[in-house]
Amino acid sequence: MMERRAKEETAIVLDFLPNGYPLDPRPSHRKTPIVQAMGKEHFVLLELVPKKEAAAMQPGEEVYIGEGKRDKIHHILGKLPMNKLTATAKAELEFLIKDIVEKNQARFIDFFNRAQPLSTRMHQLELLPGLGKKHMWEILEARNQKPFESFKDLKERVKLMPDPEKAVLRRIMQELQGEEKHRIFVDM
């Protein structure tokens, strides 16, 4: 669908494990501290190694992981599957995604304004939970008259529209769990 392989510049800490993973069989002096994080732009789940001098990091804290000089992160171990997240990370995930969607409403409204057909029978809008053909046609008709300006505007102009913010949030969670063939928001 939307192929992008852009690298994340900023990650949001989901959990900080100063002594590494508890089930790691290696002796404590060989374990590496781990930061479980989510990319701020593409929602990629990442496993990071903090710098030795970095203090404890709190869930919700933003850390720079781009190409330049990093102040808290030494290196990126790689992408992290959803099932490897700690209980703390899982608890933070939905809350942090909701926060990103709220703060970047224009980016997600842009999806409603620009979504295209995937095939002759399927449209990108139908990939959102709770949106079927009827809502899709109503959205297309309303956006042709005037592009949507906010989630509130979208709900007011499309009759019986399920909460678009929640639909986006649920879709991002489904994509992170690997349940979806087509990706709209998450870059894996």
Protein backbone atom coordinates (compact mmCIF):
# COMPACT_ATOMS: atom_id res chain seq x y z
CA MET A 1 0.00 0.00 0.00
CA MET A 2 1.94 3.06 1.19
CA GLU A 3 5.49 1.82 0.88
CA ARG A 4 7.83 3.85 3.02
CA ARG A 5 11.11 2.85 4.45
CA ALA A 6 11.88 6.10 6.18
CA LYS A 7 13.89 5.78 9.36
CA GLU A 8 12.56 6.95 12.68
CA GLU A 9 14.19 10.06 14.13
CA THR A 10 12.48 9.96 17.50
CA ALA A 11 11.24 7.08 19.62
CA ILE A 12 8.98 7.10 22.65
CA VAL A 13 10.05 4.93 25.58
CA LEU A 14 7.54 2.18 26.43
CA ASP A 15 9.65 0.46 29.09
CA PHE A 16 13.18 0.65 30.50
CA LEU A 17 14.84 -2.57 31.73
CA PRO A 18 18.06 -1.47 33.50
CA ASN A 19 19.10 -5.10 34.09
CA GLY A 20 18.04 -6.48 30.71
CA TYR A 21 15.33 -9.07 30.25
CA PRO A 22 14.53 -11.05 33.43
CA LEU A 23 14.38 -14.35 31.51
CA ASP A 24 17.77 -13.79 29.85
CA PRO A 25 19.83 -16.82 31.01
CA ARG A 26 23.15 -14.94 30.90
CA PRO A 27 24.79 -13.88 34.18
CA SER A 28 23.84 -10.36 35.35
CA HIS A 29 27.22 -8.83 34.49
CA ARG A 30 26.72 -9.90 30.83
CA LYS A 31 23.16 -8.56 30.47
CA THR A 32 22.58 -5.32 28.61
CA PRO A 33 20.08 -2.67 29.71
CA ILE A 34 17.20 -2.51 27.23
CA VAL A 35 14.74 0.18 26.22
CA GLN A 36 11.55 -0.92 24.52
CA ALA A 37 10.27 1.96 22.41
CA MET A 38 7.93 2.92 19.61
CA GLY A 39 8.89 5.15 16.70
CA LYS A 40 7.00 8.43 16.85
CA GLU A 41 6.40 8.76 13.11
CA HIS A 42 5.81 5.22 11.79
CA PHE A 43 4.87 3.38 15.03
CA VAL A 44 7.71 0.87 14.59
CA LEU A 45 8.37 -1.12 17.78
CA LEU A 46 12.09 -1.02 18.58
CA GLU A 47 14.58 -2.54 20.97
CA LEU A 48 17.23 0.01 21.96
CA VAL A 49 20.42 -0.12 24.02
CA PRO A 50 20.91 2.98 26.19
CA LYS A 51 24.29 4.60 26.72
CA LYS A 52 26.00 3.55 29.95
CA GLU A 53 25.90 7.09 31.34
CA ALA A 54 22.18 7.51 30.52
CA ALA A 55 19.95 7.73 33.58
CA ALA A 56 16.76 5.72 33.93
CA MET A 57 14.23 6.51 31.24
CA GLN A 58 10.52 6.87 31.92
CA PRO A 59 7.65 5.56 29.77
CA GLY A 60 6.46 8.34 27.49
CA GLU A 61 9.90 9.98 27.31
CA GLU A 62 11.09 10.88 23.82
CA VAL A 63 14.59 9.85 22.77
CA TYR A 64 16.50 10.77 19.61
CA ILE A 65 17.48 7.73 17.52
CA GLY A 66 18.33 9.40 14.20
CA GLU A 67 21.64 9.43 12.36
CA GLY A 68 23.11 12.34 14.35
CA LYS A 69 24.67 12.35 17.83
CA ARG A 70 22.39 10.55 20.26
CA ASP A 71 22.41 11.67 23.87
CA LYS A 72 20.73 8.68 25.57
CA ILE A 73 20.67 5.79 23.09
CA HIS A 74 23.85 3.91 22.16
CA HIS A 75 22.41 1.79 19.35
CA ILE A 76 19.27 0.17 17.97
CA LEU A 77 19.16 -3.60 18.35
CA GLY A 78 16.32 -3.91 15.88
CA LYS A 79 12.59 -4.15 15.46
CA LEU A 80 10.61 -5.75 18.22
CA PRO A 81 7.63 -8.06 17.73
CA MET A 82 4.51 -7.07 19.69
CA ASN A 83 4.55 -10.38 21.64
CA LYS A 84 8.00 -9.56 23.09
CA LEU A 85 6.79 -6.33 24.75
CA THR A 86 6.82 -6.29 28.54
CA ALA A 87 3.56 -5.84 30.47
CA THR A 88 4.54 -2.21 31.16
CA ALA A 89 5.26 -1.57 27.47
CA LYS A 90 1.92 -3.10 26.42
CA ALA A 91 0.10 -0.97 28.99
CA GLU A 92 1.77 2.21 27.69
CA LEU A 93 1.37 1.44 23.99
CA GLU A 94 -2.30 2.24 23.40
CA PHE A 95 -2.13 5.33 25.64
CA LEU A 96 0.88 6.70 23.70
CA ILE A 97 -0.64 5.95 20.28
CA LYS A 98 -3.85 7.75 21.33
CA ASP A 99 -1.74 10.74 22.38
CA ILE A 100 0.09 10.80 19.01
CA VAL A 101 -3.20 10.56 17.07
CA GLU A 102 -4.72 13.42 19.11
CA LYS A 103 -1.66 15.67 18.73
CA ASN A 104 -1.27 14.97 14.99
CA GLN A 105 -4.92 15.08 13.99
CA ALA A 106 -4.14 16.77 10.65
CA ARG A 107 -1.95 13.84 9.57
CA PHE A 108 -4.75 11.32 10.17
CA ILE A 109 -7.50 13.54 8.73
CA ASP A 110 -5.29 13.78 5.64
CA PHE A 111 -5.70 9.99 5.31
CA PHE A 112 -9.50 10.41 5.15
CA ASN A 113 -9.07 13.19 2.58
CA ARG A 114 -6.62 11.28 0.35
CA ALA A 115 -7.46 7.56 0.74
CA GLN A 116 -7.63 5.73 -2.60
CA PRO A 117 -9.11 2.46 -3.88
CA LEU A 118 -6.96 -0.64 -3.37
CA SER A 119 -8.81 -2.57 -6.09
CA THR A 120 -12.15 -2.42 -7.88
CA ARG A 121 -13.81 -3.99 -4.83
CA MET A 122 -11.85 -2.56 -1.90
CA HIS A 123 -11.02 0.97 -0.73
CA GLN A 124 -8.38 2.06 1.83
CA LEU A 125 -11.14 3.59 3.97
CA GLU A 126 -12.70 0.14 4.41
CA LEU A 127 -9.52 -1.03 6.16
CA LEU A 128 -10.49 1.03 9.22
CA PRO A 129 -12.45 -0.96 11.83
CA GLY A 130 -16.16 -0.11 11.76
CA LEU A 131 -16.12 1.46 8.27
CA GLY A 132 -18.00 -0.36 5.56
CA LYS A 133 -19.10 0.50 2.02
CA LYS A 134 -21.89 2.82 3.19
CA HIS A 135 -19.55 4.98 5.32
CA MET A 136 -16.90 4.87 2.61
CA TRP A 137 -19.30 6.31 0.01
CA GLU A 138 -20.52 8.98 2.45
CA ILE A 139 -16.92 9.98 3.26
CA LEU A 140 -15.99 10.16 -0.44
CA GLU A 141 -19.05 12.28 -1.22
CA ALA A 142 -18.46 14.65 1.73
CA ARG A 143 -14.74 15.11 0.99
CA ASN A 144 -15.49 15.90 -2.67
CA GLN A 145 -17.60 18.84 -1.51
CA LYS A 146 -14.91 20.04 0.92
CA PRO A 147 -11.89 18.33 2.54
CA PHE A 148 -12.31 17.38 6.21
CA GLU A 149 -10.62 19.69 8.69
CA SER A 150 -10.80 17.63 11.91
CA PHE A 151 -12.21 14.44 13.43
CA LYS A 152 -15.12 16.57 14.71
CA ASP A 153 -15.80 17.91 11.20
CA LEU A 154 -15.71 14.35 9.82
CA LYS A 155 -18.20 13.08 12.43
CA GLU A 156 -20.55 16.02 11.84
CA ARG A 157 -20.61 15.62 8.05
CA VAL A 158 -20.86 11.80 7.83
CA LYS A 159 -24.07 10.39 9.37
CA LEU A 160 -23.64 7.71 12.06
CA MET A 161 -19.89 7.74 11.57
CA PRO A 162 -18.09 5.59 14.16
CA ASP A 163 -15.52 7.61 16.11
CA PRO A 164 -12.79 8.16 13.47
CA GLU A 165 -10.10 8.71 16.11
CA LYS A 166 -10.87 5.35 17.74
CA ALA A 167 -11.00 3.66 14.32
CA VAL A 168 -7.48 4.96 13.54
CA LEU A 169 -6.23 3.86 16.98
CA ARG A 170 -7.73 0.37 16.59
CA ARG A 171 -6.24 0.06 13.10
CA ILE A 172 -2.76 1.00 14.32
CA MET A 173 -3.03 -1.61 17.11
CA GLN A 174 -4.14 -4.28 14.59
CA GLU A 175 -1.21 -3.43 12.30
CA LEU A 176 1.24 -3.64 15.22
CA GLN A 177 -0.10 -7.09 16.09
CA GLY A 178 0.65 -8.18 12.53
CA GLU A 179 -3.00 -8.99 11.81
CA GLU A 180 -3.26 -6.92 8.66
CA LYS A 181 -2.11 -7.57 5.09
CA HIS A 182 -2.35 -3.90 4.08
CA ARG A 183 -0.56 -1.33 6.21
CA ILE A 184 -1.82 2.23 6.41
CA PHE A 185 -0.04 3.73 9.41
CA VAL A 186 2.61 1.28 10.68
CA ASP A 187 5.88 0.76 8.86
CA MET A 188 7.22 -2.67 9.67
